[in-house]
Full PDB file with SEQRES, HELIX, SHEET, SSBOND, CRYST1, ORIGX, SCALE, CONECT and MASTER records, all heavy atoms in Angstrom:
SEQRES   1 A   35  GLU TYR LEU LEU THR GLN LEU LEU LYS GLU GLU MET GLY          
SEQRES   2 A   35  PHE GLN GLY LEU LEU VAL SER ASP TRP LYS ALA LEU GLU          
SEQRES   3 A   35  GLN LEU PRO GLY SER TYR ASN ASP GLN                          
HELIX    1 AA1 TYR A    2  GLU A   11  3                                  10    
HELIX    2 AA2 ALA A   24  GLN A   27  5                                   4    
CRYST1    1.000    1.000    1.000  90.00  90.00  90.00 P 1           1          
ORIGX1      1.000000  0.000000  0.000000        0.00000                         
ORIGX2      0.000000  1.000000  0.000000        0.00000                         
ORIGX3      0.000000  0.000000  1.000000        0.00000                         
SCALE1      1.000000  0.000000  0.000000        0.00000                         
SCALE2      0.000000  1.000000  0.000000        0.00000                         
SCALE3      0.000000  0.000000  1.000000        0.00000                         
ATOM      1  N   GLU A   1      -1.201   1.398   6.238  1.00  0.00           N  
ATOM      2  CA  GLU A   1      -2.612   1.659   5.972  1.00  0.00           C  
ATOM      3  C   GLU A   1      -2.936   3.138   6.187  1.00  0.00           C  
ATOM      4  O   GLU A   1      -3.788   3.706   5.499  1.00  0.00           O  
ATOM      5  CB  GLU A   1      -3.482   0.785   6.891  1.00  0.00           C  
ATOM      6  CG  GLU A   1      -4.961   0.750   6.530  1.00  0.00           C  
ATOM      7  CD  GLU A   1      -5.780   1.764   7.328  1.00  0.00           C  
ATOM      8  OE1 GLU A   1      -5.262   2.267   8.352  1.00  0.00           O  
ATOM      9  OE2 GLU A   1      -6.929   2.050   6.922  1.00  0.00           O  
ATOM     10  N   TYR A   2      -2.198   3.790   7.094  1.00  0.00           N  
ATOM     11  CA  TYR A   2      -2.413   5.210   7.322  1.00  0.00           C  
ATOM     12  C   TYR A   2      -2.068   6.017   6.075  1.00  0.00           C  
ATOM     13  O   TYR A   2      -2.861   6.860   5.616  1.00  0.00           O  
ATOM     14  CB  TYR A   2      -1.585   5.717   8.510  1.00  0.00           C  
ATOM     15  CG  TYR A   2      -1.646   7.223   8.653  1.00  0.00           C  
ATOM     16  CD1 TYR A   2      -2.818   7.852   9.071  1.00  0.00           C  
ATOM     17  CD2 TYR A   2      -0.550   8.016   8.325  1.00  0.00           C  
ATOM     18  CE1 TYR A   2      -2.900   9.231   9.168  1.00  0.00           C  
ATOM     19  CE2 TYR A   2      -0.617   9.400   8.422  1.00  0.00           C  
ATOM     20  CZ  TYR A   2      -1.791  10.007   8.838  1.00  0.00           C  
ATOM     21  OH  TYR A   2      -1.879  11.377   8.925  1.00  0.00           O  
ATOM     22  N   LEU A   3      -0.882   5.756   5.492  1.00  0.00           N  
ATOM     23  CA  LEU A   3      -0.451   6.533   4.340  1.00  0.00           C  
ATOM     24  C   LEU A   3      -1.253   6.202   3.079  1.00  0.00           C  
ATOM     25  O   LEU A   3      -1.683   7.100   2.353  1.00  0.00           O  
ATOM     26  CB  LEU A   3       1.041   6.292   4.068  1.00  0.00           C  
ATOM     27  CG  LEU A   3       2.031   6.868   5.086  1.00  0.00           C  
ATOM     28  CD1 LEU A   3       3.446   6.456   4.724  1.00  0.00           C  
ATOM     29  CD2 LEU A   3       1.927   8.392   5.167  1.00  0.00           C  
ATOM     30  N   LEU A   4      -1.448   4.919   2.816  1.00  0.00           N  
ATOM     31  CA  LEU A   4      -2.033   4.504   1.539  1.00  0.00           C  
ATOM     32  C   LEU A   4      -3.549   4.594   1.498  1.00  0.00           C  
ATOM     33  O   LEU A   4      -4.124   4.844   0.428  1.00  0.00           O  
ATOM     34  CB  LEU A   4      -1.590   3.076   1.204  1.00  0.00           C  
ATOM     35  CG  LEU A   4      -0.077   2.840   1.084  1.00  0.00           C  
ATOM     36  CD1 LEU A   4       0.211   1.405   0.670  1.00  0.00           C  
ATOM     37  CD2 LEU A   4       0.556   3.816   0.098  1.00  0.00           C  
ATOM     38  N   THR A   5      -4.196   4.369   2.611  1.00  0.00           N  
ATOM     39  CA  THR A   5      -5.662   4.407   2.620  1.00  0.00           C  
ATOM     40  C   THR A   5      -6.204   5.655   3.311  1.00  0.00           C  
ATOM     41  O   THR A   5      -6.918   6.453   2.703  1.00  0.00           O  
ATOM     42  CB  THR A   5      -6.225   3.142   3.277  1.00  0.00           C  
ATOM     43  OG1 THR A   5      -5.860   2.005   2.485  1.00  0.00           O  
ATOM     44  CG2 THR A   5      -7.749   3.201   3.351  1.00  0.00           C  
ATOM     45  N   GLN A   6      -5.852   5.840   4.584  1.00  0.00           N  
ATOM     46  CA  GLN A   6      -6.413   6.977   5.311  1.00  0.00           C  
ATOM     47  C   GLN A   6      -5.995   8.313   4.697  1.00  0.00           C  
ATOM     48  O   GLN A   6      -6.826   9.213   4.511  1.00  0.00           O  
ATOM     49  CB  GLN A   6      -5.990   6.920   6.782  1.00  0.00           C  
ATOM     50  CG  GLN A   6      -6.560   5.741   7.564  1.00  0.00           C  
ATOM     51  CD  GLN A   6      -6.118   5.765   9.018  1.00  0.00           C  
ATOM     52  OE1 GLN A   6      -6.049   6.812   9.657  1.00  0.00           O  
ATOM     53  NE2 GLN A   6      -5.795   4.593   9.558  1.00  0.00           N  
ATOM     54  N   LEU A   7      -4.713   8.433   4.373  1.00  0.00           N  
ATOM     55  CA  LEU A   7      -4.212   9.705   3.863  1.00  0.00           C  
ATOM     56  C   LEU A   7      -4.478   9.861   2.360  1.00  0.00           C  
ATOM     57  O   LEU A   7      -5.128  10.811   1.925  1.00  0.00           O  
ATOM     58  CB  LEU A   7      -2.715   9.826   4.157  1.00  0.00           C  
ATOM     59  CG  LEU A   7      -2.040  11.152   3.786  1.00  0.00           C  
ATOM     60  CD1 LEU A   7      -2.724  12.326   4.474  1.00  0.00           C  
ATOM     61  CD2 LEU A   7      -0.564  11.112   4.169  1.00  0.00           C  
ATOM     62  N   LEU A   8      -3.997   8.916   1.564  1.00  0.00           N  
ATOM     63  CA  LEU A   8      -4.061   9.065   0.110  1.00  0.00           C  
ATOM     64  C   LEU A   8      -5.481   8.910  -0.436  1.00  0.00           C  
ATOM     65  O   LEU A   8      -5.960   9.752  -1.203  1.00  0.00           O  
ATOM     66  CB  LEU A   8      -3.124   8.054  -0.557  1.00  0.00           C  
ATOM     67  CG  LEU A   8      -3.082   8.076  -2.090  1.00  0.00           C  
ATOM     68  CD1 LEU A   8      -2.596   9.425  -2.599  1.00  0.00           C  
ATOM     69  CD2 LEU A   8      -2.190   6.965  -2.622  1.00  0.00           C  
ATOM     70  N   LYS A   9      -6.139   7.828  -0.055  1.00  0.00           N  
ATOM     71  CA  LYS A   9      -7.457   7.565  -0.652  1.00  0.00           C  
ATOM     72  C   LYS A   9      -8.577   8.343   0.025  1.00  0.00           C  
ATOM     73  O   LYS A   9      -9.451   8.907  -0.650  1.00  0.00           O  
ATOM     74  CB  LYS A   9      -7.753   6.063  -0.600  1.00  0.00           C  
ATOM     75  CG  LYS A   9      -6.842   5.214  -1.487  1.00  0.00           C  
ATOM     76  CD  LYS A   9      -7.235   3.742  -1.411  1.00  0.00           C  
ATOM     77  CE  LYS A   9      -6.362   2.884  -2.304  1.00  0.00           C  
ATOM     78  NZ  LYS A   9      -6.711   1.452  -2.252  1.00  0.00           N  
ATOM     79  N   GLU A  10      -8.563   8.382   1.349  1.00  0.00           N  
ATOM     80  CA  GLU A  10      -9.694   8.994   2.055  1.00  0.00           C  
ATOM     81  C   GLU A  10      -9.527  10.502   2.211  1.00  0.00           C  
ATOM     82  O   GLU A  10     -10.368  11.274   1.765  1.00  0.00           O  
ATOM     83  CB  GLU A  10      -9.872   8.306   3.414  1.00  0.00           C  
ATOM     84  CG  GLU A  10     -10.280   6.835   3.285  1.00  0.00           C  
ATOM     85  CD  GLU A  10     -10.284   6.091   4.617  1.00  0.00           C  
ATOM     86  OE1 GLU A  10      -9.983   6.728   5.657  1.00  0.00           O  
ATOM     87  OE2 GLU A  10     -10.584   4.879   4.618  1.00  0.00           O  
ATOM     88  N   GLU A  11      -8.426  10.936   2.824  1.00  0.00           N  
ATOM     89  CA  GLU A  11      -8.249  12.377   3.051  1.00  0.00           C  
ATOM     90  C   GLU A  11      -8.014  13.134   1.744  1.00  0.00           C  
ATOM     91  O   GLU A  11      -8.623  14.181   1.501  1.00  0.00           O  
ATOM     92  CB  GLU A  11      -7.083  12.616   4.005  1.00  0.00           C  
ATOM     93  CG  GLU A  11      -6.843  14.099   4.282  1.00  0.00           C  
ATOM     94  CD  GLU A  11      -5.650  14.350   5.187  1.00  0.00           C  
ATOM     95  OE1 GLU A  11      -5.377  13.522   6.090  1.00  0.00           O  
ATOM     96  OE2 GLU A  11      -4.977  15.388   5.003  1.00  0.00           O  
ATOM     97  N   MET A  12      -7.126  12.595   0.883  1.00  0.00           N  
ATOM     98  CA  MET A  12      -6.775  13.301  -0.347  1.00  0.00           C  
ATOM     99  C   MET A  12      -7.715  12.976  -1.497  1.00  0.00           C  
ATOM    100  O   MET A  12      -7.692  13.637  -2.529  1.00  0.00           O  
ATOM    101  CB  MET A  12      -5.321  12.978  -0.729  1.00  0.00           C  
ATOM    102  CG  MET A  12      -4.311  13.428   0.321  1.00  0.00           C  
ATOM    103  SD  MET A  12      -2.622  12.853  -0.034  1.00  0.00           S  
ATOM    104  CE  MET A  12      -2.241  13.808  -1.505  1.00  0.00           C  
ATOM    105  N   GLY A  13      -8.532  11.959  -1.349  1.00  0.00           N  
ATOM    106  CA  GLY A  13      -9.562  11.654  -2.333  1.00  0.00           C  
ATOM    107  C   GLY A  13      -9.058  11.038  -3.623  1.00  0.00           C  
ATOM    108  O   GLY A  13      -9.701  11.186  -4.672  1.00  0.00           O  
ATOM    109  N   PHE A  14      -7.923  10.321  -3.565  1.00  0.00           N  
ATOM    110  CA  PHE A  14      -7.393   9.704  -4.784  1.00  0.00           C  
ATOM    111  C   PHE A  14      -8.294   8.561  -5.234  1.00  0.00           C  
ATOM    112  O   PHE A  14      -8.528   7.606  -4.505  1.00  0.00           O  
ATOM    113  CB  PHE A  14      -5.974   9.189  -4.533  1.00  0.00           C  
ATOM    114  CG  PHE A  14      -5.363   8.486  -5.711  1.00  0.00           C  
ATOM    115  CD1 PHE A  14      -5.240   9.125  -6.935  1.00  0.00           C  
ATOM    116  CD2 PHE A  14      -4.924   7.174  -5.604  1.00  0.00           C  
ATOM    117  CE1 PHE A  14      -4.687   8.475  -8.031  1.00  0.00           C  
ATOM    118  CE2 PHE A  14      -4.358   6.518  -6.683  1.00  0.00           C  
ATOM    119  CZ  PHE A  14      -4.245   7.163  -7.905  1.00  0.00           C  
ATOM    120  N   GLN A  15      -8.797   8.653  -6.472  1.00  0.00           N  
ATOM    121  CA  GLN A  15      -9.720   7.660  -7.015  1.00  0.00           C  
ATOM    122  C   GLN A  15      -9.063   6.738  -8.039  1.00  0.00           C  
ATOM    123  O   GLN A  15      -9.726   5.864  -8.603  1.00  0.00           O  
ATOM    124  CB  GLN A  15     -10.908   8.372  -7.683  1.00  0.00           C  
ATOM    125  CG  GLN A  15     -11.724   9.229  -6.734  1.00  0.00           C  
ATOM    126  CD  GLN A  15     -12.397   8.410  -5.641  1.00  0.00           C  
ATOM    127  OE1 GLN A  15     -12.966   7.354  -5.916  1.00  0.00           O  
ATOM    128  NE2 GLN A  15     -12.319   8.888  -4.412  1.00  0.00           N  
ATOM    129  N   GLY A  16      -7.762   6.946  -8.275  1.00  0.00           N  
ATOM    130  CA  GLY A  16      -7.092   6.185  -9.318  1.00  0.00           C  
ATOM    131  C   GLY A  16      -6.518   4.873  -8.822  1.00  0.00           C  
ATOM    132  O   GLY A  16      -6.910   4.330  -7.793  1.00  0.00           O  
ATOM    133  N   LEU A  17      -5.560   4.368  -9.567  1.00  0.00           N  
ATOM    134  CA  LEU A  17      -4.970   3.050  -9.354  1.00  0.00           C  
ATOM    135  C   LEU A  17      -3.679   3.185  -8.553  1.00  0.00           C  
ATOM    136  O   LEU A  17      -2.770   3.924  -8.940  1.00  0.00           O  
ATOM    137  CB  LEU A  17      -4.689   2.423 -10.730  1.00  0.00           C  
ATOM    138  CG  LEU A  17      -3.890   1.133 -10.818  1.00  0.00           C  
ATOM    139  CD1 LEU A  17      -4.541   0.030 -10.013  1.00  0.00           C  
ATOM    140  CD2 LEU A  17      -3.755   0.716 -12.277  1.00  0.00           C  
ATOM    141  N   LEU A  18      -3.593   2.474  -7.441  1.00  0.00           N  
ATOM    142  CA  LEU A  18      -2.399   2.481  -6.593  1.00  0.00           C  
ATOM    143  C   LEU A  18      -1.623   1.200  -6.827  1.00  0.00           C  
ATOM    144  O   LEU A  18      -2.098   0.099  -6.519  1.00  0.00           O  
ATOM    145  CB  LEU A  18      -2.806   2.610  -5.118  1.00  0.00           C  
ATOM    146  CG  LEU A  18      -1.669   2.625  -4.096  1.00  0.00           C  
ATOM    147  CD1 LEU A  18      -0.717   3.786  -4.346  1.00  0.00           C  
ATOM    148  CD2 LEU A  18      -2.240   2.689  -2.679  1.00  0.00           C  
ATOM    149  N   VAL A  19      -0.421   1.334  -7.395  1.00  0.00           N  
ATOM    150  CA  VAL A  19       0.370   0.167  -7.778  1.00  0.00           C  
ATOM    151  C   VAL A  19       1.595   0.051  -6.871  1.00  0.00           C  
ATOM    152  O   VAL A  19       2.146   1.054  -6.409  1.00  0.00           O  
ATOM    153  CB  VAL A  19       0.798   0.265  -9.267  1.00  0.00           C  
ATOM    154  CG1 VAL A  19       1.686   1.477  -9.519  1.00  0.00           C  
ATOM    155  CG2 VAL A  19       1.480  -1.013  -9.729  1.00  0.00           C  
ATOM    156  N   SER A  20       2.000  -1.182  -6.616  1.00  0.00           N  
ATOM    157  CA  SER A  20       3.212  -1.400  -5.822  1.00  0.00           C  
ATOM    158  C   SER A  20       4.439  -1.210  -6.693  1.00  0.00           C  
ATOM    159  O   SER A  20       4.361  -1.205  -7.924  1.00  0.00           O  
ATOM    160  CB  SER A  20       3.214  -2.812  -5.222  1.00  0.00           C  
ATOM    161  OG  SER A  20       3.600  -3.768  -6.196  1.00  0.00           O  
ATOM    162  N   ASP A  21       5.597  -1.086  -6.061  1.00  0.00           N  
ATOM    163  CA  ASP A  21       6.847  -1.095  -6.800  1.00  0.00           C  
ATOM    164  C   ASP A  21       7.315  -2.544  -6.972  1.00  0.00           C  
ATOM    165  O   ASP A  21       6.702  -3.479  -6.453  1.00  0.00           O  
ATOM    166  CB  ASP A  21       7.907  -0.248  -6.080  1.00  0.00           C  
ATOM    167  CG  ASP A  21       8.901   0.378  -7.049  1.00  0.00           C  
ATOM    168  OD1 ASP A  21       9.178  -0.235  -8.099  1.00  0.00           O  
ATOM    169  OD2 ASP A  21       9.406   1.481  -6.759  1.00  0.00           O  
ATOM    170  N   TRP A  22       8.401  -2.723  -7.665  1.00  0.00           N  
ATOM    171  CA  TRP A  22       8.949  -4.022  -8.084  1.00  0.00           C  
ATOM    172  C   TRP A  22       9.204  -4.934  -6.876  1.00  0.00           C  
ATOM    173  O   TRP A  22      10.083  -4.673  -6.065  1.00  0.00           O  
ATOM    174  CB  TRP A  22      10.240  -3.757  -8.847  1.00  0.00           C  
ATOM    175  CG  TRP A  22      11.007  -4.934  -9.341  1.00  0.00           C  
ATOM    176  CD1 TRP A  22      11.888  -5.678  -8.617  1.00  0.00           C  
ATOM    177  CD2 TRP A  22      10.990  -5.486 -10.659  1.00  0.00           C  
ATOM    178  NE1 TRP A  22      12.430  -6.657  -9.407  1.00  0.00           N  
ATOM    179  CE2 TRP A  22      11.901  -6.560 -10.671  1.00  0.00           C  
ATOM    180  CE3 TRP A  22      10.306  -5.180 -11.826  1.00  0.00           C  
ATOM    181  CZ2 TRP A  22      12.142  -7.331 -11.809  1.00  0.00           C  
ATOM    182  CZ3 TRP A  22      10.552  -5.933 -12.954  1.00  0.00           C  
ATOM    183  CH2 TRP A  22      11.455  -6.994 -12.937  1.00  0.00           C  
ATOM    184  N   LYS A  23       8.396  -5.990  -6.731  1.00  0.00           N  
ATOM    185  CA  LYS A  23       8.551  -6.977  -5.649  1.00  0.00           C  
ATOM    186  C   LYS A  23       8.585  -6.325  -4.262  1.00  0.00           C  
ATOM    187  O   LYS A  23       9.156  -6.878  -3.320  1.00  0.00           O  
ATOM    188  CB  LYS A  23       9.819  -7.809  -5.857  1.00  0.00           C  
ATOM    189  CG  LYS A  23       9.789  -8.688  -7.095  1.00  0.00           C  
ATOM    190  CD  LYS A  23      11.069  -9.473  -7.290  1.00  0.00           C  
ATOM    191  CE  LYS A  23      11.177 -10.641  -6.329  1.00  0.00           C  
ATOM    192  NZ  LYS A  23      12.311 -11.535  -6.690  1.00  0.00           N  
ATOM    193  N   ALA A  24       7.966  -5.151  -4.146  1.00  0.00           N  
ATOM    194  CA  ALA A  24       8.096  -4.385  -2.909  1.00  0.00           C  
ATOM    195  C   ALA A  24       7.416  -5.052  -1.725  1.00  0.00           C  
ATOM    196  O   ALA A  24       7.854  -4.888  -0.577  1.00  0.00           O  
ATOM    197  CB  ALA A  24       7.535  -2.977  -3.103  1.00  0.00           C  
ATOM    198  N   LEU A  25       6.330  -5.808  -1.977  1.00  0.00           N  
ATOM    199  CA  LEU A  25       5.663  -6.469  -0.852  1.00  0.00           C  
ATOM    200  C   LEU A  25       6.604  -7.432  -0.145  1.00  0.00           C  
ATOM    201  O   LEU A  25       6.463  -7.677   1.061  1.00  0.00           O  
ATOM    202  CB  LEU A  25       4.412  -7.211  -1.327  1.00  0.00           C  
ATOM    203  CG  LEU A  25       3.246  -6.381  -1.879  1.00  0.00           C  
ATOM    204  CD1 LEU A  25       1.985  -7.220  -1.953  1.00  0.00           C  
ATOM    205  CD2 LEU A  25       3.003  -5.128  -1.069  1.00  0.00           C  
ATOM    206  N   GLU A  26       7.564  -7.972  -0.871  1.00  0.00           N  
ATOM    207  CA  GLU A  26       8.474  -8.943  -0.283  1.00  0.00           C  
ATOM    208  C   GLU A  26       9.501  -8.297   0.651  1.00  0.00           C  
ATOM    209  O   GLU A  26      10.309  -8.989   1.259  1.00  0.00           O  
ATOM    210  CB  GLU A  26       9.167  -9.746  -1.391  1.00  0.00           C  
ATOM    211  CG  GLU A  26       8.163 -10.587  -2.178  1.00  0.00           C  
ATOM    212  CD  GLU A  26       8.813 -11.397  -3.292  1.00  0.00           C  
ATOM    213  OE1 GLU A  26       9.966 -11.842  -3.118  1.00  0.00           O  
ATOM    214  OE2 GLU A  26       8.162 -11.581  -4.337  1.00  0.00           O  
ATOM    215  N   GLN A  27       9.463  -6.975   0.761  1.00  0.00           N  
ATOM    216  CA  GLN A  27      10.306  -6.278   1.741  1.00  0.00           C  
ATOM    217  C   GLN A  27       9.574  -6.060   3.071  1.00  0.00           C  
ATOM    218  O   GLN A  27      10.170  -5.569   4.024  1.00  0.00           O  
ATOM    219  CB  GLN A  27      10.771  -4.936   1.186  1.00  0.00           C  
ATOM    220  CG  GLN A  27      11.705  -5.046  -0.009  1.00  0.00           C  
ATOM    221  CD  GLN A  27      12.306  -3.698  -0.386  1.00  0.00           C  
ATOM    222  OE1 GLN A  27      12.152  -2.701   0.320  1.00  0.00           O  
ATOM    223  NE2 GLN A  27      13.008  -3.660  -1.507  1.00  0.00           N  
ATOM    224  N   LEU A  28       8.295  -6.416   3.124  1.00  0.00           N  
ATOM    225  CA  LEU A  28       7.532  -6.262   4.367  1.00  0.00           C  
ATOM    226  C   LEU A  28       7.879  -7.391   5.332  1.00  0.00           C  
ATOM    227  O   LEU A  28       8.366  -8.449   4.925  1.00  0.00           O  
ATOM    228  CB  LEU A  28       6.034  -6.246   4.051  1.00  0.00           C  
ATOM    229  CG  LEU A  28       5.539  -5.096   3.163  1.00  0.00           C  
ATOM    230  CD1 LEU A  28       4.050  -5.235   2.879  1.00  0.00           C  
ATOM    231  CD2 LEU A  28       5.826  -3.746   3.822  1.00  0.00           C  
ATOM    232  N   PRO A  29       7.627  -7.192   6.615  1.00  0.00           N  
ATOM    233  CA  PRO A  29       7.987  -8.214   7.616  1.00  0.00           C  
ATOM    234  C   PRO A  29       7.162  -9.495   7.462  1.00  0.00           C  
ATOM    235  O   PRO A  29       6.058  -9.490   6.902  1.00  0.00           O  
ATOM    236  CB  PRO A  29       7.668  -7.532   8.951  1.00  0.00           C  
ATOM    237  CG  PRO A  29       7.557  -6.073   8.652  1.00  0.00           C  
ATOM    238  CD  PRO A  29       7.086  -5.977   7.232  1.00  0.00           C  
ATOM    239  N   GLY A  30       7.736 -10.604   7.984  1.00  0.00           N  
ATOM    240  CA  GLY A  30       6.993 -11.858   8.101  1.00  0.00           C  
ATOM    241  C   GLY A  30       7.104 -12.760   6.892  1.00  0.00           C  
ATOM    242  O   GLY A  30       7.952 -12.579   6.008  1.00  0.00           O  
ATOM    243  N   SER A  31       6.199 -13.751   6.869  1.00  0.00           N  
ATOM    244  CA  SER A  31       6.159 -14.718   5.778  1.00  0.00           C  
ATOM    245  C   SER A  31       5.568 -14.080   4.522  1.00  0.00           C  
ATOM    246  O   SER A  31       5.054 -12.953   4.561  1.00  0.00           O  
ATOM    247  CB  SER A  31       5.300 -15.917   6.178  1.00  0.00           C  
ATOM    248  OG  SER A  31       3.940 -15.504   6.330  1.00  0.00           O  
ATOM    249  N   TYR A  32       5.586 -14.818   3.416  1.00  0.00           N  
ATOM    250  CA  TYR A  32       5.004 -14.304   2.177  1.00  0.00           C  
ATOM    251  C   TYR A  32       3.511 -14.039   2.370  1.00  0.00           C  
ATOM    252  O   TYR A  32       2.984 -13.026   1.886  1.00  0.00           O  
ATOM    253  CB  TYR A  32       5.235 -15.288   1.026  1.00  0.00           C  
ATOM    254  CG  TYR A  32       4.828 -14.737  -0.322  1.00  0.00           C  
ATOM    255  CD1 TYR A  32       5.522 -13.678  -0.904  1.00  0.00           C  
ATOM    256  CD2 TYR A  32       3.738 -15.258  -1.017  1.00  0.00           C  
ATOM    257  CE1 TYR A  32       5.154 -13.159  -2.141  1.00  0.00           C  
ATOM    258  CE2 TYR A  32       3.361 -14.754  -2.261  1.00  0.00           C  
ATOM    259  CZ  TYR A  32       4.076 -13.700  -2.808  1.00  0.00           C  
ATOM    260  OH  TYR A  32       3.704 -13.189  -4.036  1.00  0.00           O  
ATOM    261  N   ASN A  33       2.836 -14.912   3.093  1.00  0.00           N  
ATOM    262  CA  ASN A  33       1.418 -14.687   3.404  1.00  0.00           C  
ATOM    263  C   ASN A  33       1.233 -13.372   4.151  1.00  0.00           C  
ATOM    264  O   ASN A  33       0.326 -12.578   3.837  1.00  0.00           O  
ATOM    265  CB  ASN A  33       0.879 -15.836   4.260  1.00  0.00           C  
ATOM    266  CG  ASN A  33       0.532 -17.056   3.441  1.00  0.00           C  
ATOM    267  OD1 ASN A  33       1.011 -17.220   2.328  1.00  0.00           O  
ATOM    268  ND2 ASN A  33      -0.295 -17.934   3.991  1.00  0.00           N  
ATOM    269  N   ASP A  34       2.093 -13.147   5.149  1.00  0.00           N  
ATOM    270  CA  ASP A  34       2.014 -11.909   5.927  1.00  0.00           C  
ATOM    271  C   ASP A  34       2.259 -10.691   5.043  1.00  0.00           C  
ATOM    272  O   ASP A  34       1.585  -9.659   5.177  1.00  0.00           O  
ATOM    273  CB  ASP A  34       3.053 -11.925   7.055  1.00  0.00           C  
ATOM    274  CG  ASP A  34       2.806 -13.027   8.077  1.00  0.00           C  
ATOM    275  OD1 ASP A  34       1.636 -13.429   8.239  1.00  0.00           O  
ATOM    276  OD2 ASP A  34       3.795 -13.480   8.705  1.00  0.00           O  
ATOM    277  N   GLN A  35       3.229 -10.798   4.144  1.00  0.00           N  
ATOM    278  CA  GLN A  35       3.590  -9.676   3.279  1.00  0.00           C  
ATOM    279  C   GLN A  35       2.449  -9.309   2.338  1.00  0.00           C  
ATOM    280  O   GLN A  35       2.106  -8.126   2.192  1.00  0.00           O  
ATOM    281  CB  GLN A  35       4.849 -10.032   2.472  1.00  0.00           C  
ATOM    282  CG  GLN A  35       6.097 -10.187   3.335  1.00  0.00           C  
ATOM    283  CD  GLN A  35       7.239 -10.859   2.599  1.00  0.00           C  
ATOM    284  OE1 GLN A  35       7.024 -11.536   1.578  1.00  0.00           O  
ATOM    285  NE2 GLN A  35       8.455 -10.710   3.107  1.00  0.00           N  
TER     286      GLN A  35                                                      
MASTER        0    0    0    2    0    0    0    6  285    1    0    3          
END                                                                             
């Protein structure tokens, strides 16, 4: 959340579309719900 929201969207002011990479959420810890 620091990199994607606080840094990219808020500090840097990015107003565009932030897309994930290929099935990248499934590399995050925990269950699919958690990811």
